[in-house]
Amino acid sequence: MFRTNRLKKMLQEGSKPIGCWIFFSDGDSIELLSLCGFDAFIIDHEHIASDRRVLVKQLRAAQATDVTCILRVPSHDPVYIKHALDIGVEGLLVPTVESADEARKIVAATRYRPHGGHRGVGYPECRAANWGLAELEYPANYRENLIIAVIIESLRGFENIEQIAAVEGIDMVFLGPGDLTAELVNDFAELTTFGTYENSKLDRLMAEAEATVLGRSDCWLGGISRNAAGGRELFNKGYDFVTPTGDAWLLSDAARSVIHQMKEDV
């Protein structure tokens, strides 16, 4: 539903919001996590089995609180982006952006024609505009209440990160070490656990990218880790928004911990 984007407001105020990935395709887990204190969710549609009907249920559960919901879309498809925005997501995270031209096309897919885009007009009846009850307020204020973020996760993307971050309408650059590492290694056997890759070129590319984005005043820096310690490290580096966990990771970590504790000294 149409409301002030709390995550964007926190970022503008210089707060350090904490996010959580949502991989499960149901409304119950997201409702529970909404009550736990997270500031934002990134609901994944790139790698998990979900659909837009499930997304509506998840948004309703989360938006009963003040948690901001961002959708990681599966691609740059402008139709998928239009549907997601009309359903009422409060931000987009677009994967594998490799050039400023791609970034500009993504921004154009989120905007109506008077604002330089080509998004079809659906606010007289869509959920994002309160089913048309906000049909005047929504088109006047939607840009201020959306977060448009892109993931830089390839060598080409890292090479072009300065130009990508400079595109008007890109609010956040999210660094993705996973796919970048897969591009750098010769064999997956070289990898350890997520977030603990040991590769000097990766370290250099990440440091250069971080410095590039942190040197700007018009673009926030987002990052991912698998635990709170890694998340705090990213905040200490200057990251503006961090996702230190996800619903599937929380469940698997807790389950393994219980099993381990039950088997100790038995």
C-alpha atoms as a PDB file:
ATOM      1  CA  MET A   1       0.000   0.000   0.000  1.00  0.00           C
ATOM      2  CA  PHE A   2       1.133   3.567  -0.607  1.00  0.00           C
ATOM      3  CA  ARG A   3       2.982   5.041   2.353  1.00  0.00           C
ATOM      4  CA  THR A   4       6.216   6.795   3.293  1.00  0.00           C
ATOM      5  CA  ASN A   5       9.242   4.609   2.566  1.00  0.00           C
ATOM      6  CA  ARG A   6      10.712   4.156   6.037  1.00  0.00           C
ATOM      7  CA  LEU A   7      13.925   2.559   4.765  1.00  0.00           C
ATOM      8  CA  LYS A   8      14.605   5.478   2.439  1.00  0.00           C
ATOM      9  CA  LYS A   9      13.880   7.925   5.254  1.00  0.00           C
ATOM     10  CA  MET A  10      16.316   6.103   7.551  1.00  0.00           C
ATOM     11  CA  LEU A  11      19.022   6.189   4.889  1.00  0.00           C
ATOM     12  CA  GLN A  12      18.458   9.895   4.290  1.00  0.00           C
ATOM     13  CA  GLU A  13      18.817  10.491   8.025  1.00  0.00           C
ATOM     14  CA  GLY A  14      22.091   8.560   8.154  1.00  0.00           C
ATOM     15  CA  SER A  15      20.754   5.600  10.127  1.00  0.00           C
ATOM     16  CA  LYS A  16      22.153   2.125   9.588  1.00  0.00           C
ATOM     17  CA  PRO A  17      19.110  -0.007   8.693  1.00  0.00           C
ATOM     18  CA  ILE A  18      19.300  -3.786   8.975  1.00  0.00           C
ATOM     19  CA  GLY A  19      17.710  -6.002   6.354  1.00  0.00           C
ATOM     20  CA  CYS A  20      16.780  -9.658   6.026  1.00  0.00           C
ATOM     21  CA  TRP A  21      16.540 -11.792   2.900  1.00  0.00           C
ATOM     22  CA  ILE A  22      13.252 -13.597   2.316  1.00  0.00           C
ATOM     23  CA  PHE A  23      13.619 -16.882   0.452  1.00  0.00           C
ATOM     24  CA  PHE A  24      10.546 -18.750   1.720  1.00  0.00           C
ATOM     25  CA  SER A  25       7.352 -18.457  -0.322  1.00  0.00           C
ATOM     26  CA  ASP A  26       4.784 -17.842   2.393  1.00  0.00           C
ATOM     27  CA  GLY A  27       3.320 -15.087   4.501  1.00  0.00           C
ATOM     28  CA  ASP A  28       3.771 -16.639   7.945  1.00  0.00           C
ATOM     29  CA  SER A  29       7.557 -16.441   8.179  1.00  0.00           C
ATOM     30  CA  ILE A  30       7.644 -12.882   6.900  1.00  0.00           C
ATOM     31  CA  GLU A  31       4.941 -11.917   9.395  1.00  0.00           C
ATOM     32  CA  LEU A  32       6.997 -13.364  12.248  1.00  0.00           C
ATOM     33  CA  LEU A  33      10.198 -11.689  11.085  1.00  0.00           C
ATOM     34  CA  SER A  34       8.330  -8.389  10.717  1.00  0.00           C
ATOM     35  CA  LEU A  35       7.810  -8.441  14.477  1.00  0.00           C
ATOM     36  CA  CYS A  36      11.482  -9.072  15.265  1.00  0.00           C
ATOM     37  CA  GLY A  37      12.873  -5.617  14.535  1.00  0.00           C
ATOM     38  CA  PHE A  38      14.219  -5.738  10.986  1.00  0.00           C
ATOM     39  CA  ASP A  39      14.001  -2.495   9.057  1.00  0.00           C
ATOM     40  CA  ALA A  40      13.615  -3.988   5.591  1.00  0.00           C
ATOM     41  CA  PHE A  41      13.154  -7.230   3.706  1.00  0.00           C
ATOM     42  CA  ILE A  42      14.589  -8.191   0.351  1.00  0.00           C
ATOM     43  CA  ILE A  43      12.139 -10.702  -1.091  1.00  0.00           C
ATOM     44  CA  ASP A  44      13.893 -12.902  -3.612  1.00  0.00           C
ATOM     45  CA  HIS A  45      12.374 -13.670  -7.004  1.00  0.00           C
ATOM     46  CA  GLU A  46      15.651 -14.432  -8.735  1.00  0.00           C
ATOM     47  CA  HIS A  47      16.518 -17.809  -7.246  1.00  0.00           C
ATOM     48  CA  ILE A  48      13.467 -19.125  -5.395  1.00  0.00           C
ATOM     49  CA  ALA A  49      10.130 -20.656  -6.400  1.00  0.00           C
ATOM     50  CA  SER A  50       7.588 -17.936  -5.778  1.00  0.00           C
ATOM     51  CA  ASP A  51       5.112 -15.863  -7.739  1.00  0.00           C
ATOM     52  CA  ARG A  52       3.310 -12.549  -7.581  1.00  0.00           C
ATOM     53  CA  ARG A  53       0.216 -13.906  -5.836  1.00  0.00           C
ATOM     54  CA  VAL A  54       2.444 -15.074  -2.989  1.00  0.00           C
ATOM     55  CA  LEU A  55       4.188 -11.697  -3.097  1.00  0.00           C
ATOM     56  CA  VAL A  56       0.917  -9.888  -2.375  1.00  0.00           C
ATOM     57  CA  LYS A  57       0.394 -12.050   0.738  1.00  0.00           C
ATOM     58  CA  GLN A  58       3.948 -11.340   1.870  1.00  0.00           C
ATOM     59  CA  LEU A  59       3.526  -7.606   1.369  1.00  0.00           C
ATOM     60  CA  ARG A  60       0.302  -7.597   3.361  1.00  0.00           C
ATOM     61  CA  ALA A  61       2.017  -9.410   6.226  1.00  0.00           C
ATOM     62  CA  ALA A  62       5.040  -7.114   6.283  1.00  0.00           C
ATOM     63  CA  GLN A  63       3.142  -3.899   5.656  1.00  0.00           C
ATOM     64  CA  ALA A  64       1.031  -4.482   8.744  1.00  0.00           C
ATOM     65  CA  THR A  65       4.229  -3.180  10.375  1.00  0.00           C
ATOM     66  CA  ASP A  66       6.625  -0.489   9.177  1.00  0.00           C
ATOM     67  CA  VAL A  67       9.111  -2.885   7.542  1.00  0.00           C
ATOM     68  CA  THR A  68      10.021  -1.801   4.007  1.00  0.00           C
ATOM     69  CA  CYS A  69       9.748  -4.468   1.296  1.00  0.00           C
ATOM     70  CA  ILE A  70      12.203  -4.588  -1.593  1.00  0.00           C
ATOM     71  CA  LEU A  71      11.888  -7.161  -4.360  1.00  0.00           C
ATOM     72  CA  ARG A  72      14.898  -8.718  -6.033  1.00  0.00           C
ATOM     73  CA  VAL A  73      13.506  -9.199  -9.509  1.00  0.00           C
ATOM     74  CA  PRO A  74      14.805 -12.062 -11.685  1.00  0.00           C
ATOM     75  CA  SER A  75      16.025  -9.859 -14.535  1.00  0.00           C
ATOM     76  CA  HIS A  76      15.829  -6.406 -16.116  1.00  0.00           C
ATOM     77  CA  ASP A  77      12.441  -7.232 -17.680  1.00  0.00           C
ATOM     78  CA  PRO A  78      10.395  -3.985 -17.682  1.00  0.00           C
ATOM     79  CA  VAL A  79       7.094  -5.886 -17.575  1.00  0.00           C
ATOM     80  CA  TYR A  80       8.125  -7.753 -14.420  1.00  0.00           C
ATOM     81  CA  ILE A  81       9.270  -4.453 -12.919  1.00  0.00           C
ATOM     82  CA  LYS A  82       5.920  -2.825 -13.775  1.00  0.00           C
ATOM     83  CA  HIS A  83       3.943  -5.669 -12.211  1.00  0.00           C
ATOM     84  CA  ALA A  84       6.077  -5.595  -9.050  1.00  0.00           C
ATOM     85  CA  LEU A  85       5.644  -1.860  -8.608  1.00  0.00           C
ATOM     86  CA  ASP A  86       1.896  -1.997  -9.271  1.00  0.00           C
ATOM     87  CA  ILE A  87       1.560  -4.775  -6.688  1.00  0.00           C
ATOM     88  CA  GLY A  88       3.125  -2.442  -4.137  1.00  0.00           C
ATOM     89  CA  VAL A  89       6.766  -3.295  -3.496  1.00  0.00           C
ATOM     90  CA  GLU A  90       8.599  -0.326  -2.024  1.00  0.00           C
ATOM     91  CA  GLY A  91      11.859  -0.892  -3.811  1.00  0.00           C
ATOM     92  CA  LEU A  92      13.622  -2.955  -6.430  1.00  0.00           C
ATOM     93  CA  LEU A  93      16.936  -4.769  -6.357  1.00  0.00           C
ATOM     94  CA  VAL A  94      17.943  -5.558  -9.930  1.00  0.00           C
ATOM     95  CA  PRO A  95      20.631  -8.210 -10.485  1.00  0.00           C
ATOM     96  CA  THR A  96      23.707  -8.215 -12.710  1.00  0.00           C
ATOM     97  CA  VAL A  97      23.796  -4.614 -13.856  1.00  0.00           C
ATOM     98  CA  GLU A  98      26.916  -4.080 -15.953  1.00  0.00           C
ATOM     99  CA  SER A  99      26.657  -0.638 -17.548  1.00  0.00           C
ATOM    100  CA  ALA A 100      25.223   2.834 -17.125  1.00  0.00           C
ATOM    101  CA  ASP A 101      22.955   2.218 -20.112  1.00  0.00           C
ATOM    102  CA  GLU A 102      21.417  -0.814 -18.394  1.00  0.00           C
ATOM    103  CA  ALA A 103      20.938   1.253 -15.235  1.00  0.00           C
ATOM    104  CA  ARG A 104      19.193   4.039 -17.172  1.00  0.00           C
ATOM    105  CA  LYS A 105      16.818   1.512 -18.767  1.00  0.00           C
ATOM    106  CA  ILE A 106      15.974   0.121 -15.333  1.00  0.00           C
ATOM    107  CA  VAL A 107      15.150   3.589 -14.019  1.00  0.00           C
ATOM    108  CA  ALA A 108      13.007   4.266 -17.104  1.00  0.00           C
ATOM    109  CA  ALA A 109      11.022   1.080 -16.422  1.00  0.00           C
ATOM    110  CA  THR A 110      10.072   2.429 -12.984  1.00  0.00           C
ATOM    111  CA  ARG A 111       8.899   5.866 -14.142  1.00  0.00           C
ATOM    112  CA  TYR A 112       5.888   7.203 -15.957  1.00  0.00           C
ATOM    113  CA  ARG A 113       6.290   9.103 -19.216  1.00  0.00           C
ATOM    114  CA  PRO A 114       6.150  12.629 -17.724  1.00  0.00           C
ATOM    115  CA  HIS A 115       9.175  11.620 -15.632  1.00  0.00           C
ATOM    116  CA  GLY A 116      11.236  10.246 -18.499  1.00  0.00           C
ATOM    117  CA  GLY A 117      10.125   6.625 -18.346  1.00  0.00           C
ATOM    118  CA  HIS A 118       7.756   4.232 -20.072  1.00  0.00           C
ATOM    119  CA  ARG A 119       5.914   2.538 -17.201  1.00  0.00           C
ATOM    120  CA  GLY A 120       2.294   1.915 -18.050  1.00  0.00           C
ATOM    121  CA  VAL A 121      -0.327   3.819 -16.075  1.00  0.00           C
ATOM    122  CA  GLY A 122      -2.135   1.556 -13.628  1.00  0.00           C
ATOM    123  CA  TYR A 123      -2.507   3.694 -10.529  1.00  0.00           C
ATOM    124  CA  PRO A 124      -6.282   4.230 -10.931  1.00  0.00           C
ATOM    125  CA  GLU A 125      -6.777   0.566  -9.993  1.00  0.00           C
ATOM    126  CA  CYS A 126      -3.520  -0.991  -8.684  1.00  0.00           C
ATOM    127  CA  ARG A 127      -2.677  -2.015  -5.131  1.00  0.00           C
ATOM    128  CA  ALA A 128       0.374   0.281  -5.011  1.00  0.00           C
ATOM    129  CA  ALA A 129      -1.956   3.293  -5.182  1.00  0.00           C
ATOM    130  CA  ASN A 130      -4.337   1.848  -2.592  1.00  0.00           C
ATOM    131  CA  TRP A 131      -6.524   0.364  -5.323  1.00  0.00           C
ATOM    132  CA  GLY A 132      -6.991   3.809  -6.839  1.00  0.00           C
ATOM    133  CA  LEU A 133      -7.834   5.609  -3.606  1.00  0.00           C
ATOM    134  CA  ALA A 134      -4.465   7.390  -3.895  1.00  0.00           C
ATOM    135  CA  GLU A 135      -4.653   7.949  -7.653  1.00  0.00           C
ATOM    136  CA  LEU A 136      -3.670  11.615  -7.290  1.00  0.00           C
ATOM    137  CA  GLU A 137      -1.130  11.244  -4.490  1.00  0.00           C
ATOM    138  CA  TYR A 138       0.650   8.227  -5.967  1.00  0.00           C
ATOM    139  CA  PRO A 139       1.799   9.628  -9.355  1.00  0.00           C
ATOM    140  CA  ALA A 140       2.903  12.830  -7.643  1.00  0.00           C
ATOM    141  CA  ASN A 141       4.992  11.119  -4.964  1.00  0.00           C
ATOM    142  CA  TYR A 142       5.906   7.566  -6.035  1.00  0.00           C
ATOM    143  CA  ARG A 143       9.504   8.399  -6.981  1.00  0.00           C
ATOM    144  CA  GLU A 144      10.267   9.781  -3.518  1.00  0.00           C
ATOM    145  CA  ASN A 145       8.922   6.595  -1.948  1.00  0.00           C
ATOM    146  CA  LEU A 146      10.742   4.005  -4.047  1.00  0.00           C
ATOM    147  CA  ILE A 147      14.281   2.711  -3.639  1.00  0.00           C
ATOM    148  CA  ILE A 148      15.889   1.624  -6.894  1.00  0.00           C
ATOM    149  CA  ALA A 149      18.968  -0.496  -6.223  1.00  0.00           C
ATOM    150  CA  VAL A 150      21.205  -2.451  -8.569  1.00  0.00           C
ATOM    151  CA  ILE A 151      23.516  -5.360  -7.859  1.00  0.00           C
ATOM    152  CA  ILE A 152      27.052  -5.144  -9.199  1.00  0.00           C
ATOM    153  CA  GLU A 153      28.287  -8.732  -9.351  1.00  0.00           C
ATOM    154  CA  SER A 154      30.406  -9.233 -12.471  1.00  0.00           C
ATOM    155  CA  LEU A 155      33.819  -8.075 -13.608  1.00  0.00           C
ATOM    156  CA  ARG A 156      32.230  -5.834 -16.232  1.00  0.00           C
ATOM    157  CA  GLY A 157      29.923  -4.347 -13.645  1.00  0.00           C
ATOM    158  CA  PHE A 158      32.783  -3.636 -11.261  1.00  0.00           C
ATOM    159  CA  GLU A 159      34.725  -2.006 -14.089  1.00  0.00           C
ATOM    160  CA  ASN A 160      31.769   0.318 -14.786  1.00  0.00           C
ATOM    161  CA  ILE A 161      30.627   0.922 -11.229  1.00  0.00           C
ATOM    162  CA  GLU A 162      31.462   4.635 -11.204  1.00  0.00           C
ATOM    163  CA  GLN A 163      29.279   5.297 -14.258  1.00  0.00           C
ATOM    164  CA  ILE A 164      26.481   3.072 -12.929  1.00  0.00           C
ATOM    165  CA  ALA A 165      26.401   4.802  -9.540  1.00  0.00           C
ATOM    166  CA  ALA A 166      26.210   8.185 -11.282  1.00  0.00           C
ATOM    167  CA  VAL A 167      22.963   7.376 -13.133  1.00  0.00           C
ATOM    168  CA  GLU A 168      20.137   9.623 -11.971  1.00  0.00           C
ATOM    169  CA  GLY A 169      17.481   7.542 -10.267  1.00  0.00           C
ATOM    170  CA  ILE A 170      19.808   4.831  -8.948  1.00  0.00           C
ATOM    171  CA  ASP A 171      19.520   5.143  -5.178  1.00  0.00           C
ATOM    172  CA  MET A 172      21.753   2.290  -4.084  1.00  0.00           C
ATOM    173  CA  VAL A 173      24.525   0.080  -5.384  1.00  0.00           C
ATOM    174  CA  PHE A 174      24.551  -3.369  -3.810  1.00  0.00           C
ATOM    175  CA  LEU A 175      27.821  -5.288  -4.097  1.00  0.00           C
ATOM    176  CA  GLY A 176      27.499  -9.015  -4.823  1.00  0.00           C
ATOM    177  CA  PRO A 177      30.668 -10.996  -4.101  1.00  0.00           C
ATOM    178  CA  GLY A 178      29.112 -14.382  -4.870  1.00  0.00           C
ATOM    179  CA  ASP A 179      28.812 -14.195  -8.646  1.00  0.00           C
ATOM    180  CA  LEU A 180      31.992 -12.138  -8.893  1.00  0.00           C
ATOM    181  CA  THR A 181      33.880 -14.882  -7.087  1.00  0.00           C
ATOM    182  CA  ALA A 182      32.415 -17.523  -9.394  1.00  0.00           C
ATOM    183  CA  GLU A 183      33.821 -15.491 -12.278  1.00  0.00           C
ATOM    184  CA  LEU A 184      37.264 -15.277 -10.672  1.00  0.00           C
ATOM    185  CA  VAL A 185      37.886 -18.854  -9.507  1.00  0.00           C
ATOM    186  CA  ASN A 186      38.874 -21.777 -11.685  1.00  0.00           C
ATOM    187  CA  ASP A 187      36.946 -24.347  -9.676  1.00  0.00           C
ATOM    188  CA  PHE A 188      34.242 -24.162  -7.025  1.00  0.00           C
ATOM    189  CA  ALA A 189      36.429 -26.388  -4.859  1.00  0.00           C
ATOM    190  CA  GLU A 190      38.456 -23.231  -4.188  1.00  0.00           C
ATOM    191  CA  LEU A 191      35.542 -21.675  -2.308  1.00  0.00           C
ATOM    192  CA  THR A 192      34.960 -21.826   1.420  1.00  0.00           C
ATOM    193  CA  THR A 193      31.691 -20.623   2.938  1.00  0.00           C
ATOM    194  CA  PHE A 194      29.741 -17.666   1.623  1.00  0.00           C
ATOM    195  CA  GLY A 195      31.365 -14.397   2.566  1.00  0.00           C
ATOM    196  CA  THR A 196      34.764 -15.889   3.436  1.00  0.00           C
ATOM    197  CA  TYR A 197      36.269 -16.163  -0.015  1.00  0.00           C
ATOM    198  CA  GLU A 198      40.033 -15.840  -0.067  1.00  0.00           C
ATOM    199  CA  ASN A 199      41.063 -14.145  -3.290  1.00  0.00           C
ATOM    200  CA  SER A 200      43.349 -11.132  -3.527  1.00  0.00           C
ATOM    201  CA  LYS A 201      41.749  -9.892  -6.757  1.00  0.00           C
ATOM    202  CA  LEU A 202      38.299 -10.116  -5.184  1.00  0.00           C
ATOM    203  CA  ASP A 203      39.513  -8.146  -2.170  1.00  0.00           C
ATOM    204  CA  ARG A 204      40.992  -5.463  -4.423  1.00  0.00           C
ATOM    205  CA  LEU A 205      37.876  -5.174  -6.594  1.00  0.00           C
ATOM    206  CA  MET A 206      35.593  -4.987  -3.565  1.00  0.00           C
ATOM    207  CA  ALA A 207      37.747  -2.333  -1.890  1.00  0.00           C
ATOM    208  CA  GLU A 208      37.889  -0.220  -5.052  1.00  0.00           C
ATOM    209  CA  ALA A 209      34.129  -0.507  -5.569  1.00  0.00           C
ATOM    210  CA  GLU A 210      33.405   0.385  -1.954  1.00  0.00           C
ATOM    211  CA  ALA A 211      35.615   3.476  -2.198  1.00  0.00           C
ATOM    212  CA  THR A 212      33.939   4.533  -5.442  1.00  0.00           C
ATOM    213  CA  VAL A 213      30.406   4.401  -4.053  1.00  0.00           C
ATOM    214  CA  LEU A 214      31.290   5.730  -0.607  1.00  0.00           C
ATOM    215  CA  GLY A 215      32.895   8.708  -2.311  1.00  0.00           C
ATOM    216  CA  ARG A 216      29.506   9.784  -3.668  1.00  0.00           C
ATOM    217  CA  SER A 217      26.789  11.697  -1.844  1.00  0.00           C
ATOM    218  CA  ASP A 218      23.981  10.671  -4.198  1.00  0.00           C
ATOM    219  CA  CYS A 219      24.120   6.875  -3.937  1.00  0.00           C
ATOM    220  CA  TRP A 220      24.007   4.522  -0.968  1.00  0.00           C
ATOM    221  CA  LEU A 221      26.093   1.365  -0.583  1.00  0.00           C
ATOM    222  CA  GLY A 222      24.450  -1.942   0.309  1.00  0.00           C
ATOM    223  CA  GLY A 223      25.982  -5.294   1.146  1.00  0.00           C
ATOM    224  CA  ILE A 224      25.325  -8.851   2.225  1.00  0.00           C
ATOM    225  CA  SER A 225      26.829 -11.128   4.862  1.00  0.00           C
ATOM    226  CA  ARG A 226      25.815 -14.411   6.457  1.00  0.00           C
ATOM    227  CA  ASN A 227      26.097 -13.348  10.092  1.00  0.00           C
ATOM    228  CA  ALA A 228      26.030 -10.388  12.456  1.00  0.00           C
ATOM    229  CA  ALA A 229      29.818 -10.186  12.747  1.00  0.00           C
ATOM    230  CA  GLY A 230      30.153  -9.819   8.985  1.00  0.00           C
ATOM    231  CA  GLY A 231      27.329  -7.309   8.944  1.00  0.00           C
ATOM    232  CA  ARG A 232      28.974  -5.158  11.615  1.00  0.00           C
ATOM    233  CA  GLU A 233      32.214  -5.261   9.629  1.00  0.00           C
ATOM    234  CA  LEU A 234      30.396  -3.885   6.575  1.00  0.00           C
ATOM    235  CA  PHE A 235      28.842  -1.104   8.648  1.00  0.00           C
ATOM    236  CA  ASN A 236      32.284  -0.272  10.035  1.00  0.00           C
ATOM    237  CA  LYS A 237      33.548   0.059   6.458  1.00  0.00           C
ATOM    238  CA  GLY A 238      30.864   2.645   5.795  1.00  0.00           C
ATOM    239  CA  TYR A 239      28.095   0.590   4.176  1.00  0.00           C
ATOM    240  CA  ASP A 240      24.708   2.268   4.483  1.00  0.00           C
ATOM    241  CA  PHE A 241      22.482  -0.831   4.404  1.00  0.00           C
ATOM    242  CA  VAL A 242      23.376  -4.413   5.290  1.00  0.00           C
ATOM    243  CA  THR A 243      21.518  -7.725   5.137  1.00  0.00           C
ATOM    244  CA  PRO A 244      23.301  -9.989   7.646  1.00  0.00           C
ATOM    245  CA  THR A 245      20.886 -12.898   7.407  1.00  0.00           C
ATOM    246  CA  GLY A 246      17.910 -14.471   5.661  1.00  0.00           C
ATOM    247  CA  ASP A 247      14.933 -16.577   6.686  1.00  0.00           C
ATOM    248  CA  ALA A 248      16.377 -19.833   5.313  1.00  0.00           C
ATOM    249  CA  TRP A 249      19.762 -19.151   6.889  1.00  0.00           C
ATOM    250  CA  LEU A 250      18.205 -18.353  10.261  1.00  0.00           C
ATOM    251  CA  LEU A 251      16.248 -21.604  10.237  1.00  0.00           C
ATOM    252  CA  SER A 252      19.127 -23.809   9.094  1.00  0.00           C
ATOM    253  CA  ASP A 253      21.603 -22.217  11.516  1.00  0.00           C
ATOM    254  CA  ALA A 254      19.204 -22.585  14.442  1.00  0.00           C
ATOM    255  CA  ALA A 255      18.319 -26.182  13.532  1.00  0.00           C
ATOM    256  CA  ARG A 256      21.946 -27.252  13.243  1.00  0.00           C
ATOM    257  CA  SER A 257      22.784 -25.487  16.494  1.00  0.00           C
ATOM    258  CA  VAL A 258      20.041 -27.343  18.387  1.00  0.00           C
ATOM    259  CA  ILE A 259      21.108 -30.710  16.942  1.00  0.00           C
ATOM    260  CA  HIS A 260      24.751 -29.998  17.787  1.00  0.00           C
ATOM    261  CA  GLN A 261      23.908 -28.994  21.361  1.00  0.00           C
ATOM    262  CA  MET A 262      21.672 -32.025  21.879  1.00  0.00           C
ATOM    263  CA  LYS A 263      24.419 -34.385  20.738  1.00  0.00           C
ATOM    264  CA  GLU A 264      27.184 -32.832  22.827  1.00  0.00           C
ATOM    265  CA  ASP A 265      28.519 -35.171  25.499  1.00  0.00           C
ATOM    266  CA  VAL A 266      25.767 -37.710  24.847  1.00  0.00           C
END
